[in-house]
Amino acid sequence: MAAESAASLVLQVEPCKSDPGLYRWIIRDHDRVVRQACYSLASKEEARTEGRAALEEAEAMVRDSS
Protein backbone atom coordinates (compact mmCIF):
# COMPACT_ATOMS: atom_id res chain seq x y z
CA MET A 1 0.00 0.00 0.00
CA ALA A 2 1.37 3.42 -0.94
CA ALA A 3 0.37 6.52 0.99
CA GLU A 4 0.75 10.26 0.40
CA SER A 5 -0.08 12.88 2.98
CA ALA A 6 -1.33 16.45 2.68
CA ALA A 7 -2.42 18.16 5.90
CA SER A 8 -4.45 15.53 7.76
CA LEU A 9 -5.70 13.87 4.56
CA VAL A 10 -3.88 10.76 3.37
CA LEU A 11 -4.11 9.17 -0.08
CA GLN A 12 -3.75 5.40 -0.14
CA VAL A 13 -3.44 3.27 -3.27
CA GLU A 14 -3.95 -0.43 -2.76
CA PRO A 15 -4.82 -3.56 -4.70
CA CYS A 16 -8.53 -4.22 -5.13
CA LYS A 17 -9.73 -6.82 -2.62
CA SER A 18 -11.90 -8.64 -5.17
CA ASP A 19 -9.31 -8.50 -7.99
CA PRO A 20 -5.66 -8.04 -6.89
CA GLY A 21 -4.67 -7.19 -10.50
CA LEU A 22 -6.60 -3.92 -10.22
CA TYR A 23 -6.12 -0.92 -7.89
CA ARG A 24 -8.25 1.50 -5.88
CA TRP A 25 -7.54 4.80 -4.16
CA ILE A 26 -8.86 5.88 -0.76
CA ILE A 27 -8.56 9.27 0.96
CA ARG A 28 -8.61 9.15 4.74
CA ASP A 29 -8.67 11.74 7.49
CA HIS A 30 -6.97 9.82 10.28
CA ASP A 31 -8.85 6.49 10.21
CA ARG A 32 -12.05 7.85 8.63
CA VAL A 33 -12.65 7.35 4.89
CA VAL A 34 -13.35 10.73 3.27
CA ARG A 35 -13.51 9.64 -0.40
CA GLN A 36 -12.75 6.49 -2.36
CA ALA A 37 -12.71 5.26 -5.92
CA CYS A 38 -16.11 4.08 -7.17
CA TYR A 39 -14.44 1.51 -9.41
CA SER A 40 -11.14 -0.33 -9.72
CA LEU A 41 -8.42 0.94 -12.03
CA ALA A 42 -6.07 -0.99 -14.33
CA SER A 43 -2.76 0.19 -12.84
CA LYS A 44 -1.28 1.56 -9.66
CA GLU A 45 -0.18 4.68 -11.55
CA GLU A 46 -3.68 5.31 -12.89
CA ALA A 47 -5.13 4.92 -9.39
CA ARG A 48 -2.49 7.28 -7.96
CA THR A 49 -3.19 9.91 -10.65
CA GLU A 50 -6.96 9.83 -10.08
CA GLY A 51 -6.44 9.71 -6.32
CA ARG A 52 -4.18 12.78 -6.39
CA ALA A 53 -6.84 14.73 -8.30
CA ALA A 54 -9.46 13.68 -5.74
CA LEU A 55 -7.07 14.60 -2.91
CA GLU A 56 -6.60 18.09 -4.38
CA GLU A 57 -10.40 18.51 -4.57
CA ALA A 58 -10.82 17.34 -0.98
CA GLU A 59 -8.07 19.70 0.22
CA ALA A 60 -9.75 22.61 -1.59
CA MET A 61 -13.07 21.79 0.12
CA VAL A 62 -11.35 21.74 3.52
CA ARG A 63 -9.58 25.05 2.75
CA ASP A 64 -12.79 26.68 1.52
CA SER A 65 -14.76 25.60 4.55
CA SER A 66 -12.27 27.14 7.00
C-alpha atoms as a PDB file:
ATOM      1  CA  MET A   1       0.000   0.000   0.000  1.00  0.00           C
ATOM      2  CA  ALA A   2       1.375   3.423  -0.937  1.00  0.00           C
ATOM      3  CA  ALA A   3       0.368   6.524   0.993  1.00  0.00           C
ATOM      4  CA  GLU A   4       0.747  10.258   0.399  1.00  0.00           C
ATOM      5  CA  SER A   5      -0.082  12.885   2.981  1.00  0.00           C
ATOM      6  CA  ALA A   6      -1.331  16.451   2.684  1.00  0.00           C
ATOM      7  CA  ALA A   7      -2.423  18.163   5.899  1.00  0.00           C
ATOM      8  CA  SER A   8      -4.450  15.533   7.758  1.00  0.00           C
ATOM      9  CA  LEU A   9      -5.703  13.867   4.561  1.00  0.00           C
ATOM     10  CA  VAL A  10      -3.878  10.759   3.373  1.00  0.00           C
ATOM     11  CA  LEU A  11      -4.110   9.170  -0.081  1.00  0.00           C
ATOM     12  CA  GLN A  12      -3.746   5.396  -0.136  1.00  0.00           C
ATOM     13  CA  VAL A  13      -3.437   3.274  -3.265  1.00  0.00           C
ATOM     14  CA  GLU A  14      -3.946  -0.432  -2.757  1.00  0.00           C
ATOM     15  CA  PRO A  15      -4.824  -3.564  -4.695  1.00  0.00           C
ATOM     16  CA  CYS A  16      -8.530  -4.216  -5.132  1.00  0.00           C
ATOM     17  CA  LYS A  17      -9.729  -6.821  -2.623  1.00  0.00           C
ATOM     18  CA  SER A  18     -11.903  -8.636  -5.172  1.00  0.00           C
ATOM     19  CA  ASP A  19      -9.307  -8.503  -7.993  1.00  0.00           C
ATOM     20  CA  PRO A  20      -5.660  -8.037  -6.892  1.00  0.00           C
ATOM     21  CA  GLY A  21      -4.667  -7.195 -10.502  1.00  0.00           C
ATOM     22  CA  LEU A  22      -6.603  -3.917 -10.224  1.00  0.00           C
ATOM     23  CA  TYR A  23      -6.125  -0.921  -7.895  1.00  0.00           C
ATOM     24  CA  ARG A  24      -8.253   1.497  -5.884  1.00  0.00           C
ATOM     25  CA  TRP A  25      -7.544   4.797  -4.162  1.00  0.00           C
ATOM     26  CA  ILE A  26      -8.855   5.883  -0.764  1.00  0.00           C
ATOM     27  CA  ILE A  27      -8.564   9.268   0.957  1.00  0.00           C
ATOM     28  CA  ARG A  28      -8.611   9.150   4.745  1.00  0.00           C
ATOM     29  CA  ASP A  29      -8.667  11.743   7.485  1.00  0.00           C
ATOM     30  CA  HIS A  30      -6.970   9.819  10.279  1.00  0.00           C
ATOM     31  CA  ASP A  31      -8.847   6.489  10.214  1.00  0.00           C
ATOM     32  CA  ARG A  32     -12.052   7.849   8.627  1.00  0.00           C
ATOM     33  CA  VAL A  33     -12.646   7.351   4.886  1.00  0.00           C
ATOM     34  CA  VAL A  34     -13.352  10.729   3.267  1.00  0.00           C
ATOM     35  CA  ARG A  35     -13.508   9.637  -0.398  1.00  0.00           C
ATOM     36  CA  GLN A  36     -12.753   6.494  -2.358  1.00  0.00           C
ATOM     37  CA  ALA A  37     -12.713   5.260  -5.925  1.00  0.00           C
ATOM     38  CA  CYS A  38     -16.108   4.083  -7.171  1.00  0.00           C
ATOM     39  CA  TYR A  39     -14.439   1.510  -9.413  1.00  0.00           C
ATOM     40  CA  SER A  40     -11.138  -0.331  -9.716  1.00  0.00           C
ATOM     41  CA  LEU A  41      -8.420   0.939 -12.032  1.00  0.00           C
ATOM     42  CA  ALA A  42      -6.073  -0.987 -14.325  1.00  0.00           C
ATOM     43  CA  SER A  43      -2.761   0.187 -12.838  1.00  0.00           C
ATOM     44  CA  LYS A  44      -1.276   1.559  -9.658  1.00  0.00           C
ATOM     45  CA  GLU A  45      -0.176   4.684 -11.551  1.00  0.00           C
ATOM     46  CA  GLU A  46      -3.684   5.308 -12.887  1.00  0.00           C
ATOM     47  CA  ALA A  47      -5.134   4.925  -9.388  1.00  0.00           C
ATOM     48  CA  ARG A  48      -2.490   7.277  -7.960  1.00  0.00           C
ATOM     49  CA  THR A  49      -3.186   9.907 -10.650  1.00  0.00           C
ATOM     50  CA  GLU A  50      -6.957   9.830 -10.083  1.00  0.00           C
ATOM     51  CA  GLY A  51      -6.443   9.705  -6.318  1.00  0.00           C
ATOM     52  CA  ARG A  52      -4.181  12.782  -6.386  1.00  0.00           C
ATOM     53  CA  ALA A  53      -6.843  14.727  -8.302  1.00  0.00           C
ATOM     54  CA  ALA A  54      -9.464  13.682  -5.742  1.00  0.00           C
ATOM     55  CA  LEU A  55      -7.072  14.603  -2.909  1.00  0.00           C
ATOM     56  CA  GLU A  56      -6.603  18.086  -4.375  1.00  0.00           C
ATOM     57  CA  GLU A  57     -10.400  18.510  -4.575  1.00  0.00           C
ATOM     58  CA  ALA A  58     -10.820  17.340  -0.977  1.00  0.00           C
ATOM     59  CA  GLU A  59      -8.071  19.695   0.221  1.00  0.00           C
ATOM     60  CA  ALA A  60      -9.755  22.607  -1.592  1.00  0.00           C
ATOM     61  CA  MET A  61     -13.069  21.788   0.121  1.00  0.00           C
ATOM     62  CA  VAL A  62     -11.349  21.739   3.518  1.00  0.00           C
ATOM     63  CA  ARG A  63      -9.583  25.046   2.754  1.00  0.00           C
ATOM     64  CA  ASP A  64     -12.786  26.679   1.519  1.00  0.00           C
ATOM     65  CA  SER A  65     -14.756  25.598   4.552  1.00  0.00           C
ATOM     66  CA  SER A  66     -12.274  27.139   7.003  1.00  0.00           C
END
